[in-house]
Amino acid sequence: GVRQRVEEKTTKLQAVRKKQQLKTGSATGLGVGEVPRDLREIAKRTPAIRSWVHAIEDPVRQFLFEEQDRRLESARRQRGSDEISNESELDSDDEEIVFVGRDSAMRELREKKEARHRRAQRTVP
């Protein structure tokens, strides 16, 4: 009926809009680690999705910390010394942050702004 035609028309318009965004390069969610805008908006409005993501996030973070500790321990045993720096032994691919909470992202943004402000305010000899 009418509802089906409206839904079909809406779907076609969304597809055309997405094609247009792809051409102009303004489409989101196409790169690694990017979340499509529509999915992000739905997740914000749906508390169940947010709790589901957190339920997945905790075991992933725990696994990454345990894996890092295990690698550090095996490196200590191989080298025969306990004086290994606290630098991460993970490859750059393994180092990728899986989920970043809004609080930590905002904290990093504030720190960057403060650092930029300090650099701008220091006197040049």
PDB file of N, CA and C in Angstrom:
ATOM      1  N   GLY A   1       0.787  -1.158   0.000  1.00  0.00           N
ATOM      2  CA  GLY A   1       0.000   0.000   0.000  1.00  0.00           C
ATOM      3  C   GLY A   1       0.859   1.264   0.000  1.00  0.00           C
ATOM      4  N   VAL A   2       0.294   2.270   0.552  1.00  0.00           N
ATOM      5  CA  VAL A   2       0.929   3.582   0.586  1.00  0.00           C
ATOM      6  C   VAL A   2       2.201   3.542   1.428  1.00  0.00           C
ATOM      7  N   ARG A   3       2.122   2.876   2.560  1.00  0.00           N
ATOM      8  CA  ARG A   3       3.283   2.797   3.448  1.00  0.00           C
ATOM      9  C   ARG A   3       4.473   2.151   2.736  1.00  0.00           C
ATOM     10  N   GLN A   4       4.221   1.086   2.002  1.00  0.00           N
ATOM     11  CA  GLN A   4       5.291   0.390   1.288  1.00  0.00           C
ATOM     12  C   GLN A   4       5.926   1.306   0.242  1.00  0.00           C
ATOM     13  N   ARG A   5       5.101   2.067  -0.485  1.00  0.00           N
ATOM     14  CA  ARG A   5       5.638   2.992  -1.490  1.00  0.00           C
ATOM     15  C   ARG A   5       6.492   4.077  -0.837  1.00  0.00           C
ATOM     16  N   VAL A   6       6.040   4.574   0.309  1.00  0.00           N
ATOM     17  CA  VAL A   6       6.804   5.601   1.025  1.00  0.00           C
ATOM     18  C   VAL A   6       8.146   5.032   1.479  1.00  0.00           C
ATOM     19  N   GLU A   7       8.128   3.809   2.003  1.00  0.00           N
ATOM     20  CA  GLU A   7       9.376   3.178   2.451  1.00  0.00           C
ATOM     21  C   GLU A   7      10.328   2.943   1.284  1.00  0.00           C
ATOM     22  N   GLU A   8       9.791   2.501   0.145  1.00  0.00           N
ATOM     23  CA  GLU A   8      10.630   2.282  -1.035  1.00  0.00           C
ATOM     24  C   GLU A   8      11.245   3.596  -1.512  1.00  0.00           C
ATOM     25  N   LYS A   9      10.431   4.643  -1.523  1.00  0.00           N
ATOM     26  CA  LYS A   9      10.919   5.951  -1.952  1.00  0.00           C
ATOM     27  C   LYS A   9      12.003   6.456  -0.991  1.00  0.00           C
ATOM     28  N   THR A  10      11.788   6.275   0.292  1.00  0.00           N
ATOM     29  CA  THR A  10      12.772   6.690   1.292  1.00  0.00           C
ATOM     30  C   THR A  10      14.075   5.923   1.117  1.00  0.00           C
ATOM     31  N   THR A  11      13.980   4.634   0.874  1.00  0.00           N
ATOM     32  CA  THR A  11      15.170   3.812   0.667  1.00  0.00           C
ATOM     33  C   THR A  11      15.938   4.270  -0.563  1.00  0.00           C
ATOM     34  N   LYS A  12      15.218   4.558  -1.640  1.00  0.00           N
ATOM     35  CA  LYS A  12      15.878   5.037  -2.861  1.00  0.00           C
ATOM     36  C   LYS A  12      16.567   6.375  -2.626  1.00  0.00           C
ATOM     37  N   LEU A  13      15.900   7.277  -1.913  1.00  0.00           N
ATOM     38  CA  LEU A  13      16.498   8.577  -1.615  1.00  0.00           C
ATOM     39  C   LEU A  13      17.755   8.429  -0.752  1.00  0.00           C
ATOM     40  N   GLN A  14      17.711   7.514   0.209  1.00  0.00           N
ATOM     41  CA  GLN A  14      18.884   7.277   1.050  1.00  0.00           C
ATOM     42  C   GLN A  14      20.041   6.731   0.226  1.00  0.00           C
ATOM     43  N   ALA A  15      19.732   5.837  -0.710  1.00  0.00           N
ATOM     44  CA  ALA A  15      20.782   5.280  -1.565  1.00  0.00           C
ATOM     45  C   ALA A  15      21.399   6.364  -2.438  1.00  0.00           C
ATOM     46  N   VAL A  16      20.561   7.234  -2.992  1.00  0.00           N
ATOM     47  CA  VAL A  16      21.063   8.334  -3.820  1.00  0.00           C
ATOM     48  C   VAL A  16      21.926   9.268  -2.978  1.00  0.00           C
ATOM     49  N   ARG A  17      21.477   9.573  -1.772  1.00  0.00           N
ATOM     50  CA  ARG A  17      22.226  10.455  -0.884  1.00  0.00           C
ATOM     51  C   ARG A  17      23.582   9.839  -0.527  1.00  0.00           C
ATOM     52  N   LYS A  18      23.604   8.533  -0.263  1.00  0.00           N
ATOM     53  CA  LYS A  18      24.860   7.857   0.081  1.00  0.00           C
ATOM     54  C   LYS A  18      25.821   7.889  -1.107  1.00  0.00           C
ATOM     55  N   LYS A  19      25.290   7.674  -2.332  1.00  0.00           N
ATOM     56  CA  LYS A  19      26.131   7.752  -3.532  1.00  0.00           C
ATOM     57  C   LYS A  19      26.738   9.134  -3.670  1.00  0.00           C
ATOM     58  N   GLN A  20      25.921  10.143  -3.416  1.00  0.00           N
ATOM     59  CA  GLN A  20      26.385  11.522  -3.503  1.00  0.00           C
ATOM     60  C   GLN A  20      27.484  11.779  -2.469  1.00  0.00           C
ATOM     61  N   GLN A  21      27.297  11.269  -1.262  1.00  0.00           N
ATOM     62  CA  GLN A  21      28.300  11.436  -0.212  1.00  0.00           C
ATOM     63  C   GLN A  21      29.591  10.725  -0.581  1.00  0.00           C
ATOM     64  N   LEU A  22      29.480   9.562  -1.204  1.00  0.00           N
ATOM     65  CA  LEU A  22      30.677   8.834  -1.626  1.00  0.00           C
ATOM     66  C   LEU A  22      31.457   9.625  -2.665  1.00  0.00           C
ATOM     67  N   LYS A  23      30.722  10.249  -3.599  1.00  0.00           N
ATOM     68  CA  LYS A  23      31.383  11.045  -4.638  1.00  0.00           C
ATOM     69  C   LYS A  23      32.106  12.245  -4.049  1.00  0.00           C
ATOM     70  N   THR A  24      31.468  12.916  -3.099  1.00  0.00           N
ATOM     71  CA  THR A  24      32.068  14.123  -2.519  1.00  0.00           C
ATOM     72  C   THR A  24      33.075  13.801  -1.424  1.00  0.00           C
ATOM     73  N   GLY A  25      33.094  12.555  -0.965  1.00  0.00           N
ATOM     74  CA  GLY A  25      34.045  12.173   0.075  1.00  0.00           C
ATOM     75  C   GLY A  25      33.567  12.485   1.478  1.00  0.00           C
ATOM     76  N   SER A  26      32.299  12.812   1.625  1.00  0.00           N
ATOM     77  CA  SER A  26      31.791  13.162   2.951  1.00  0.00           C
ATOM     78  C   SER A  26      31.087  11.999   3.644  1.00  0.00           C
ATOM     79  N   ALA A  27      31.115  10.825   3.049  1.00  0.00           N
ATOM     80  CA  ALA A  27      30.465   9.666   3.657  1.00  0.00           C
ATOM     81  C   ALA A  27      31.258   9.219   4.875  1.00  0.00           C
ATOM     82  N   THR A  28      30.562   8.790   5.912  1.00  0.00           N
ATOM     83  CA  THR A  28      31.227   8.332   7.128  1.00  0.00           C
ATOM     84  C   THR A  28      31.139   6.822   7.231  1.00  0.00           C
ATOM     85  N   GLY A  29      32.014   6.268   8.037  1.00  0.00           N
ATOM     86  CA  GLY A  29      31.959   4.842   8.305  1.00  0.00           C
ATOM     87  C   GLY A  29      32.577   3.983   7.236  1.00  0.00           C
ATOM     88  N   LEU A  30      33.435   4.555   6.413  1.00  0.00           N
ATOM     89  CA  LEU A  30      34.021   3.780   5.328  1.00  0.00           C
ATOM     90  C   LEU A  30      35.415   3.276   5.673  1.00  0.00           C
ATOM     91  N   GLY A  31      36.080   3.922   6.607  1.00  0.00           N
ATOM     92  CA  GLY A  31      37.439   3.545   6.964  1.00  0.00           C
ATOM     93  C   GLY A  31      37.471   2.623   8.164  1.00  0.00           C
ATOM     94  N   VAL A  32      38.660   2.104   8.444  1.00  0.00           N
ATOM     95  CA  VAL A  32      38.852   1.234   9.596  1.00  0.00           C
ATOM     96  C   VAL A  32      38.633   2.055  10.858  1.00  0.00           C
ATOM     97  N   GLY A  33      37.845   1.537  11.776  1.00  0.00           N
ATOM     98  CA  GLY A  33      37.602   2.222  13.031  1.00  0.00           C
ATOM     99  C   GLY A  33      36.541   3.297  12.970  1.00  0.00           C
ATOM    100  N   GLU A  34      35.924   3.511  11.822  1.00  0.00           N
ATOM    101  CA  GLU A  34      34.872   4.514  11.692  1.00  0.00           C
ATOM    102  C   GLU A  34      33.511   3.840  11.783  1.00  0.00           C
ATOM    103  N   VAL A  35      32.595   4.520  12.421  1.00  0.00           N
ATOM    104  CA  VAL A  35      31.235   4.008  12.555  1.00  0.00           C
ATOM    105  C   VAL A  35      30.327   4.855  11.671  1.00  0.00           C
ATOM    106  N   PRO A  36      29.513   4.223  10.833  1.00  0.00           N
ATOM    107  CA  PRO A  36      28.603   4.998   9.987  1.00  0.00           C
ATOM    108  C   PRO A  36      27.695   5.894  10.829  1.00  0.00           C
ATOM    109  N   ARG A  37      27.407   7.063  10.302  1.00  0.00           N
ATOM    110  CA  ARG A  37      26.625   8.064  11.033  1.00  0.00           C
ATOM    111  C   ARG A  37      25.266   7.516  11.463  1.00  0.00           C
ATOM    112  N   ASP A  38      24.572   6.818  10.561  1.00  0.00           N
ATOM    113  CA  ASP A  38      23.246   6.317  10.915  1.00  0.00           C
ATOM    114  C   ASP A  38      23.314   5.292  12.039  1.00  0.00           C
ATOM    115  N   LEU A  39      24.319   4.429  12.021  1.00  0.00           N
ATOM    116  CA  LEU A  39      24.474   3.447  13.090  1.00  0.00           C
ATOM    117  C   LEU A  39      24.808   4.135  14.410  1.00  0.00           C
ATOM    118  N   ARG A  40      25.643   5.155  14.355  1.00  0.00           N
ATOM    119  CA  ARG A  40      26.013   5.897  15.560  1.00  0.00           C
ATOM    120  C   ARG A  40      24.779   6.570  16.170  1.00  0.00           C
ATOM    121  N   GLU A  41      23.930   7.152  15.333  1.00  0.00           N
ATOM    122  CA  GLU A  41      22.716   7.810  15.833  1.00  0.00           C
ATOM    123  C   GLU A  41      21.758   6.805  16.462  1.00  0.00           C
ATOM    124  N   ILE A  42      21.612   5.652  15.835  1.00  0.00           N
ATOM    125  CA  ILE A  42      20.736   4.618  16.388  1.00  0.00           C
ATOM    126  C   ILE A  42      21.278   4.130  17.721  1.00  0.00           C
ATOM    127  N   ALA A  43      22.593   3.943  17.802  1.00  0.00           N
ATOM    128  CA  ALA A  43      23.206   3.462  19.039  1.00  0.00           C
ATOM    129  C   ALA A  43      23.027   4.466  20.171  1.00  0.00           C
ATOM    130  N   LYS A  44      23.072   5.748  19.859  1.00  0.00           N
ATOM    131  CA  LYS A  44      22.879   6.771  20.893  1.00  0.00           C
ATOM    132  C   LYS A  44      21.467   6.713  21.459  1.00  0.00           C
ATOM    133  N   ARG A  45      20.498   6.420  20.606  1.00  0.00           N
ATOM    134  CA  ARG A  45      19.100   6.414  21.032  1.00  0.00           C
ATOM    135  C   ARG A  45      18.671   5.096  21.658  1.00  0.00           C
ATOM    136  N   THR A  46      19.495   4.063  21.547  1.00  0.00           N
ATOM    137  CA  THR A  46      19.103   2.745  22.024  1.00  0.00           C
ATOM    138  C   THR A  46      20.029   2.302  23.154  1.00  0.00           C
ATOM    139  N   PRO A  47      19.559   2.365  24.397  1.00  0.00           N
ATOM    140  CA  PRO A  47      20.408   1.984  25.530  1.00  0.00           C
ATOM    141  C   PRO A  47      20.846   0.520  25.480  1.00  0.00           C
ATOM    142  N   ALA A  48      20.041  -0.330  24.879  1.00  0.00           N
ATOM    143  CA  ALA A  48      20.403  -1.749  24.807  1.00  0.00           C
ATOM    144  C   ALA A  48      21.675  -1.945  23.988  1.00  0.00           C
ATOM    145  N   ILE A  49      21.822  -1.194  22.915  1.00  0.00           N
ATOM    146  CA  ILE A  49      23.027  -1.306  22.085  1.00  0.00           C
ATOM    147  C   ILE A  49      24.232  -0.825  22.864  1.00  0.00           C
ATOM    148  N   ARG A  50      24.065   0.282  23.594  1.00  0.00           N
ATOM    149  CA  ARG A  50      25.166   0.826  24.378  1.00  0.00           C
ATOM    150  C   ARG A  50      25.641  -0.194  25.419  1.00  0.00           C
ATOM    151  N   SER A  51      24.712  -0.833  26.123  1.00  0.00           N
ATOM    152  CA  SER A  51      25.107  -1.823  27.129  1.00  0.00           C
ATOM    153  C   SER A  51      25.715  -3.057  26.462  1.00  0.00           C
ATOM    154  N   TRP A  52      25.246  -3.402  25.269  1.00  0.00           N
ATOM    155  CA  TRP A  52      25.807  -4.536  24.540  1.00  0.00           C
ATOM    156  C   TRP A  52      27.259  -4.259  24.156  1.00  0.00           C
ATOM    157  N   VAL A  53      27.522  -3.042  23.687  1.00  0.00           N
ATOM    158  CA  VAL A  53      28.890  -2.670  23.313  1.00  0.00           C
ATOM    159  C   VAL A  53      29.796  -2.705  24.538  1.00  0.00           C
ATOM    160  N   HIS A  54      29.307  -2.197  25.670  1.00  0.00           N
ATOM    161  CA  HIS A  54      30.111  -2.231  26.893  1.00  0.00           C
ATOM    162  C   HIS A  54      30.364  -3.670  27.337  1.00  0.00           C
ATOM    163  N   ALA A  55      29.371  -4.541  27.162  1.00  0.00           N
ATOM    164  CA  ALA A  55      29.548  -5.943  27.539  1.00  0.00           C
ATOM    165  C   ALA A  55      30.621  -6.613  26.685  1.00  0.00           C
ATOM    166  N   ILE A  56      30.758  -6.193  25.450  1.00  0.00           N
ATOM    167  CA  ILE A  56      31.803  -6.731  24.574  1.00  0.00           C
ATOM    168  C   ILE A  56      33.137  -6.061  24.868  1.00  0.00           C
ATOM    169  N   GLU A  57      33.087  -4.784  25.162  1.00  0.00           N
ATOM    170  CA  GLU A  57      34.308  -3.996  25.349  1.00  0.00           C
ATOM    171  C   GLU A  57      35.149  -4.496  26.519  1.00  0.00           C
ATOM    172  N   ASP A  58      34.531  -4.807  27.643  1.00  0.00           N
ATOM    173  CA  ASP A  58      35.282  -5.208  28.833  1.00  0.00           C
ATOM    174  C   ASP A  58      36.133  -6.458  28.606  1.00  0.00           C
ATOM    175  N   PRO A  59      35.579  -7.551  28.074  1.00  0.00           N
ATOM    176  CA  PRO A  59      36.434  -8.724  27.830  1.00  0.00           C
ATOM    177  C   PRO A  59      37.547  -8.457  26.813  1.00  0.00           C
ATOM    178  N   VAL A  60      37.272  -7.623  25.813  1.00  0.00           N
ATOM    179  CA  VAL A  60      38.298  -7.314  24.809  1.00  0.00           C
ATOM    180  C   VAL A  60      39.445  -6.557  25.459  1.00  0.00           C
ATOM    181  N   ARG A  61      39.120  -5.548  26.257  1.00  0.00           N
ATOM    182  CA  ARG A  61      40.166  -4.792  26.957  1.00  0.00           C
ATOM    183  C   ARG A  61      40.963  -5.703  27.885  1.00  0.00           C
ATOM    184  N   GLN A  62      40.260  -6.552  28.631  1.00  0.00           N
ATOM    185  CA  GLN A  62      40.935  -7.472  29.551  1.00  0.00           C
ATOM    186  C   GLN A  62      41.884  -8.389  28.783  1.00  0.00           C
ATOM    187  N   PHE A  63      41.427  -8.908  27.660  1.00  0.00           N
ATOM    188  CA  PHE A  63      42.277  -9.777  26.851  1.00  0.00           C
ATOM    189  C   PHE A  63      43.524  -9.041  26.382  1.00  0.00           C
ATOM    190  N   LEU A  64      43.354  -7.797  25.921  1.00  0.00           N
ATOM    191  CA  LEU A  64      44.506  -7.030  25.438  1.00  0.00           C
ATOM    192  C   LEU A  64      45.514  -6.776  26.551  1.00  0.00           C
ATOM    193  N   PHE A  65      45.026  -6.438  27.750  1.00  0.00           N
ATOM    194  CA  PHE A  65      45.943  -6.221  28.871  1.00  0.00           C
ATOM    195  C   PHE A  65      46.676  -7.510  29.234  1.00  0.00           C
ATOM    196  N   GLU A  66      45.949  -8.632  29.277  1.00  0.00           N
ATOM    197  CA  GLU A  66      46.581  -9.912  29.602  1.00  0.00           C
ATOM    198  C   GLU A  66      47.596 -10.309  28.535  1.00  0.00           C
ATOM    199  N   GLU A  67      47.262 -10.087  27.281  1.00  0.00           N
ATOM    200  CA  GLU A  67      48.180 -10.412  26.183  1.00  0.00           C
ATOM    201  C   GLU A  67      49.445  -9.567  26.285  1.00  0.00           C
ATOM    202  N   GLN A  68      49.290  -8.303  26.596  1.00  0.00           N
ATOM    203  CA  GLN A  68      50.453  -7.426  26.747  1.00  0.00           C
ATOM    204  C   GLN A  68      51.321  -7.903  27.912  1.00  0.00           C
ATOM    205  N   ASP A  69      50.712  -8.241  29.031  1.00  0.00           N
ATOM    206  CA  ASP A  69      51.473  -8.741  30.177  1.00  0.00           C
ATOM    207  C   ASP A  69      52.191 -10.042  29.833  1.00  0.00           C
ATOM    208  N   ARG A  70      51.507 -10.926  29.110  1.00  0.00           N
ATOM    209  CA  ARG A  70      52.114 -12.205  28.744  1.00  0.00           C
ATOM    210  C   ARG A  70      53.317 -11.989  27.825  1.00  0.00           C
ATOM    211  N   ARG A  71      53.195 -11.057  26.884  1.00  0.00           N
ATOM    212  CA  ARG A  71      54.321 -10.774  25.988  1.00  0.00           C
ATOM    213  C   ARG A  71      55.493 -10.158  26.739  1.00  0.00           C
ATOM    214  N   LEU A  72      55.197  -9.244  27.649  1.00  0.00           N
ATOM    215  CA  LEU A  72      56.266  -8.643  28.449  1.00  0.00           C
ATOM    216  C   LEU A  72      56.977  -9.700  29.286  1.00  0.00           C
ATOM    217  N   GLU A  73      56.210 -10.594  29.878  1.00  0.00           N
ATOM    218  CA  GLU A  73      56.796 -11.651  30.712  1.00  0.00           C
ATOM    219  C   GLU A  73      57.661 -12.590  29.877  1.00  0.00           C
ATOM    220  N   SER A  74      57.201 -12.967  28.698  1.00  0.00           N
ATOM    221  CA  SER A  74      58.007 -13.854  27.853  1.00  0.00           C
ATOM    222  C   SER A  74      59.266 -13.136  27.371  1.00  0.00           C
ATOM    223  N   ALA A  75      59.170 -11.841  27.112  1.00  0.00           N
ATOM    224  CA  ALA A  75      60.355 -11.074  26.706  1.00  0.00           C
ATOM    225  C   ALA A  75      61.358 -11.002  27.850  1.00  0.00           C
ATOM    226  N   ARG A  76      60.870 -10.853  29.070  1.00  0.00           N
ATOM    227  CA  ARG A  76      61.772 -10.838  30.237  1.00  0.00           C
ATOM    228  C   ARG A  76      62.501 -12.170  30.368  1.00  0.00           C
ATOM    229  N   ARG A  77      61.756 -13.249  30.200  1.00  0.00           N
ATOM    230  CA  ARG A  77      62.382 -14.571  30.320  1.00  0.00           C
ATOM    231  C   ARG A  77      63.415 -14.789  29.225  1.00  0.00           C
ATOM    232  N   GLN A  78      63.129 -14.325  28.009  1.00  0.00           N
ATOM    233  CA  GLN A  78      64.072 -14.510  26.906  1.00  0.00           C
ATOM    234  C   GLN A  78      65.336 -13.709  27.128  1.00  0.00           C
ATOM    235  N   ARG A  79      65.216 -12.514  27.628  1.00  0.00           N
ATOM    236  CA  ARG A  79      66.383 -11.653  27.836  1.00  0.00           C
ATOM    237  C   ARG A  79      67.093 -11.958  29.145  1.00  0.00           C
ATOM    238  N   GLY A  80      66.375 -12.598  30.051  1.00  0.00           N
ATOM    239  CA  GLY A  80      67.007 -12.971  31.307  1.00  0.00           C
ATOM    240  C   GLY A  80      67.154 -11.817  32.281  1.00  0.00           C
ATOM    241  N   SER A  81      66.452 -10.735  32.075  1.00  0.00           N
ATOM    242  CA  SER A  81      66.538  -9.625  33.022  1.00  0.00           C
ATOM    243  C   SER A  81      65.154  -9.068  33.289  1.00  0.00           C
ATOM    244  N   ASP A  82      65.029  -8.422  34.412  1.00  0.00           N
ATOM    245  CA  ASP A  82      63.749  -7.830  34.785  1.00  0.00           C
ATOM    246  C   ASP A  82      63.722  -6.334  34.530  1.00  0.00           C
ATOM    247  N   GLU A  83      64.682  -5.804  33.798  1.00  0.00           N
ATOM    248  CA  GLU A  83      64.761  -4.368  33.584  1.00  0.00           C
ATOM    249  C   GLU A  83      64.296  -3.992  32.175  1.00  0.00           C
ATOM    250  N   ILE A  84      63.081  -4.336  31.882  1.00  0.00           N
ATOM    251  CA  ILE A  84      62.501  -3.978  30.584  1.00  0.00           C
ATOM    252  C   ILE A  84      61.648  -2.739  30.800  1.00  0.00           C
ATOM    253  N   SER A  85      61.771  -1.812  29.889  1.00  0.00           N
ATOM    254  CA  SER A  85      60.999  -0.578  30.025  1.00  0.00           C
ATOM    255  C   SER A  85      59.514  -0.885  29.951  1.00  0.00           C
ATOM    256  N   ASN A  86      58.720   0.035  30.383  1.00  0.00           N
ATOM    257  CA  ASN A  86      57.270  -0.145  30.400  1.00  0.00           C
ATOM    258  C   ASN A  86      56.636   0.109  29.043  1.00  0.00           C
ATOM    259  N   GLU A  87      57.460   0.302  28.013  1.00  0.00           N
ATOM    260  CA  GLU A  87      56.908   0.517  26.687  1.00  0.00           C
ATOM    261  C   GLU A  87      56.189  -0.734  26.222  1.00  0.00           C
ATOM    262  N   SER A  88      55.202  -0.529  25.430  1.00  0.00           N
ATOM    263  CA  SER A  88      54.410  -1.643  24.943  1.00  0.00           C
ATOM    264  C   SER A  88      55.223  -2.481  23.970  1.00  0.00           C
ATOM    265  N   GLU A  89      55.085  -3.785  24.086  1.00  0.00           N
ATOM    266  CA  GLU A  89      55.772  -4.709  23.191  1.00  0.00           C
ATOM    267  C   GLU A  89      54.871  -5.115  22.024  1.00  0.00           C
ATOM    268  N   LEU A  90      53.692  -4.549  21.948  1.00  0.00           N
ATOM    269  CA  LEU A  90      52.748  -4.920  20.901  1.00  0.00           C
ATOM    270  C   LEU A  90      53.141  -4.302  19.571  1.00  0.00           C
ATOM    271  N   ASP A  91      52.782  -4.975  18.493  1.00  0.00           N
ATOM    272  CA  ASP A  91      52.959  -4.400  17.167  1.00  0.00           C
ATOM    273  C   ASP A  91      52.003  -3.231  17.024  1.00  0.00           C
ATOM    274  N   SER A  92      52.256  -2.388  16.037  1.00  0.00           N
ATOM    275  CA  SER A  92      51.380  -1.229  15.853  1.00  0.00           C
ATOM    276  C   SER A  92      49.954  -1.668  15.522  1.00  0.00           C
ATOM    277  N   ASP A  93      49.784  -2.812  14.853  1.00  0.00           N
ATOM    278  CA  ASP A  93      48.442  -3.302  14.552  1.00  0.00           C
ATOM    279  C   ASP A  93      47.720  -3.730  15.825  1.00  0.00           C
ATOM    280  N   ASP A  94      48.473  -4.348  16.754  1.00  0.00           N
ATOM    281  CA  ASP A  94      47.878  -4.805  17.998  1.00  0.00           C
ATOM    282  C   ASP A  94      47.582  -3.646  18.936  1.00  0.00           C
ATOM    283  N   GLU A  95      48.248  -2.528  18.721  1.00  0.00           N
ATOM    284  CA  GLU A  95      48.125  -1.390  19.611  1.00  0.00           C
ATOM    285  C   GLU A  95      46.858  -0.587  19.373  1.00  0.00           C
ATOM    286  N   GLU A  96      46.157  -0.868  18.311  1.00  0.00           N
ATOM    287  CA  GLU A  96      44.981  -0.093  17.944  1.00  0.00           C
ATOM    288  C   GLU A  96      43.945  -0.134  19.064  1.00  0.00           C
ATOM    289  N   ILE A  97      43.399   1.018  19.399  1.00  0.00           N
ATOM    290  CA  ILE A  97      42.399   1.105  20.451  1.00  0.00           C
ATOM    291  C   ILE A  97      41.092   0.565  19.896  1.00  0.00           C
ATOM    292  N   VAL A  98      40.490  -0.329  20.658  1.00  0.00           N
ATOM    293  CA  VAL A  98      39.275  -0.964  20.182  1.00  0.00           C
ATOM    294  C   VAL A  98      38.075  -0.044  20.390  1.00  0.00           C
ATOM    295  N   PHE A  99      37.878   0.396  21.621  1.00  0.00           N
ATOM    296  CA  PHE A  99      36.779   1.294  21.937  1.00  0.00           C
ATOM    297  C   PHE A  99      37.324   2.444  22.756  1.00  0.00           C
ATOM    298  N   VAL A 100      36.949   3.644  22.416  1.00  0.00           N
ATOM    299  CA  VAL A 100      37.362   4.810  23.184  1.00  0.00           C
ATOM    300  C   VAL A 100      36.107   5.434  23.754  1.00  0.00           C
ATOM    301  N   GLY A 101      36.066   5.550  25.058  1.00  0.00           N
ATOM    302  CA  GLY A 101      34.918   6.169  25.697  1.00  0.00           C
ATOM    303  C   GLY A 101      34.918   7.668  25.475  1.00  0.00           C
ATOM    304  N   ARG A 102      33.776   8.263  25.632  1.00  0.00           N
ATOM    305  CA  ARG A 102      33.646   9.697  25.412  1.00  0.00           C
ATOM    306  C   ARG A 102      34.494  10.474  26.415  1.00  0.00           C
ATOM    307  N   ASP A 103      34.563  10.003  27.680  1.00  0.00           N
ATOM    308  CA  ASP A 103      35.329  10.718  28.698  1.00  0.00           C
ATOM    309  C   ASP A 103      36.802  10.784  28.338  1.00  0.00           C
ATOM    310  N   SER A 104      37.374   9.662  27.935  1.00  0.00           N
ATOM    311  CA  SER A 104      38.803   9.668  27.609  1.00  0.00           C
ATOM    312  C   SER A 104      39.075  10.476  26.346  1.00  0.00           C
ATOM    313  N   ALA A 105      38.170  10.441  25.398  1.00  0.00           N
ATOM    314  CA  ALA A 105      38.358  11.231  24.178  1.00  0.00           C
ATOM    315  C   ALA A 105      38.305  12.721  24.505  1.00  0.00           C
ATOM    316  N   MET A 106      37.387  13.107  25.363  1.00  0.00           N
ATOM    317  CA  MET A 106      37.288  14.513  25.750  1.00  0.00           C
ATOM    318  C   MET A 106      38.512  14.934  26.557  1.00  0.00           C
ATOM    319  N   ARG A 107      39.016  14.050  27.422  1.00  0.00           N
ATOM    320  CA  ARG A 107      40.206  14.358  28.210  1.00  0.00           C
ATOM    321  C   ARG A 107      41.399  14.578  27.288  1.00  0.00           C
ATOM    322  N   GLU A 108      41.555  13.701  26.297  1.00  0.00           N
ATOM    323  CA  GLU A 108      42.655  13.852  25.345  1.00  0.00           C
ATOM    324  C   GLU A 108      42.526  15.159  24.570  1.00  0.00           C
ATOM    325  N   LEU A 109      41.319  15.511  24.186  1.00  0.00           N
ATOM    326  CA  LEU A 109      41.102  16.754  23.456  1.00  0.00           C
ATOM    327  C   LEU A 109      41.491  17.953  24.320  1.00  0.00           C
ATOM    328  N   ARG A 110      41.074  17.927  25.591  1.00  0.00           N
ATOM    329  CA  ARG A 110      41.434  19.012  26.505  1.00  0.00           C
ATOM    330  C   ARG A 110      42.942  19.110  26.672  1.00  0.00           C
ATOM    331  N   GLU A 111      43.603  17.942  26.837  1.00  0.00           N
ATOM    332  CA  GLU A 111      45.056  17.938  27.010  1.00  0.00           C
ATOM    333  C   GLU A 111      45.752  18.508  25.777  1.00  0.00           C
ATOM    334  N   LYS A 112      45.277  18.157  24.594  1.00  0.00           N
ATOM    335  CA  LYS A 112      45.869  18.689  23.367  1.00  0.00           C
ATOM    336  C   LYS A 112      45.688  20.194  23.285  1.00  0.00           C
ATOM    337  N   LYS A 113      44.485  20.661  23.639  1.00  0.00           N
ATOM    338  CA  LYS A 113      44.230  22.100  23.602  1.00  0.00           C
ATOM    339  C   LYS A 113      45.117  22.831  24.599  1.00  0.00           C
ATOM    340  N   GLU A 114      45.269  22.262  25.813  1.00  0.00           N
ATOM    341  CA  GLU A 114      46.115  22.897  26.822  1.00  0.00           C
ATOM    342  C   GLU A 114      47.567  22.933  26.362  1.00  0.00           C
ATOM    343  N   ALA A 115      48.039  21.843  25.770  1.00  0.00           N
ATOM    344  CA  ALA A 115      49.420  21.804  25.280  1.00  0.00           C
ATOM    345  C   ALA A 115      49.616  22.835  24.171  1.00  0.00           C
ATOM    346  N   ARG A 116      48.663  22.942  23.274  1.00  0.00           N
ATOM    347  CA  ARG A 116      48.742  23.917  22.197  1.00  0.00           C
ATOM    348  C   ARG A 116      48.747  25.338  22.771  1.00  0.00           C
ATOM    349  N   HIS A 117      47.927  25.562  23.783  1.00  0.00           N
ATOM    350  CA  HIS A 117      47.858  26.877  24.421  1.00  0.00           C
ATOM    351  C   HIS A 117      49.191  27.211  25.099  1.00  0.00           C
ATOM    352  N   ARG A 118      49.782  26.224  25.791  1.00  0.00           N
ATOM    353  CA  ARG A 118      51.076  26.455  26.450  1.00  0.00           C
ATOM    354  C   ARG A 118      52.154  26.785  25.429  1.00  0.00           C
ATOM    355  N   ARG A 119      52.162  26.063  24.310  1.00  0.00           N
ATOM    356  CA  ARG A 119      53.154  26.350  23.266  1.00  0.00           C
ATOM    357  C   ARG A 119      52.960  27.748  22.698  1.00  0.00           C
ATOM    358  N   ALA A 120      51.723  28.149  22.534  1.00  0.00           N
ATOM    359  CA  ALA A 120      51.443  29.471  21.976  1.00  0.00           C
ATOM    360  C   ALA A 120      51.812  30.578  22.964  1.00  0.00           C
ATOM    361  N   GLN A 121      51.714  30.304  24.258  1.00  0.00           N
ATOM    362  CA  GLN A 121      51.959  31.319  25.274  1.00  0.00           C
ATOM    363  C   GLN A 121      53.424  31.448  25.679  1.00  0.00           C
ATOM    364  N   ARG A 122      54.250  30.441  25.370  1.00  0.00           N
ATOM    365  CA  ARG A 122      55.647  30.536  25.805  1.00  0.00           C
ATOM    366  C   ARG A 122      56.363  31.638  25.027  1.00  0.00           C
ATOM    367  N   THR A 123      57.333  32.233  25.687  1.00  0.00           N
ATOM    368  CA  THR A 123      58.057  33.348  25.069  1.00  0.00           C
ATOM    369  C   THR A 123      59.180  32.817  24.206  1.00  0.00           C
ATOM    370  N   VAL A 124      59.425  33.502  23.122  1.00  0.00           N
ATOM    371  CA  VAL A 124      60.495  33.123  22.204  1.00  0.00           C
ATOM    372  C   VAL A 124      61.721  33.944  22.570  1.00  0.00           C
ATOM    373  N   PRO A 125      62.906  33.297  22.829  1.00  0.00           N
ATOM    374  CA  PRO A 125      64.104  34.049  23.226  1.00  0.00           C
ATOM    375  C   PRO A 125      64.684  34.864  22.102  1.00  0.00           C
TER     376      PRO A 125
END
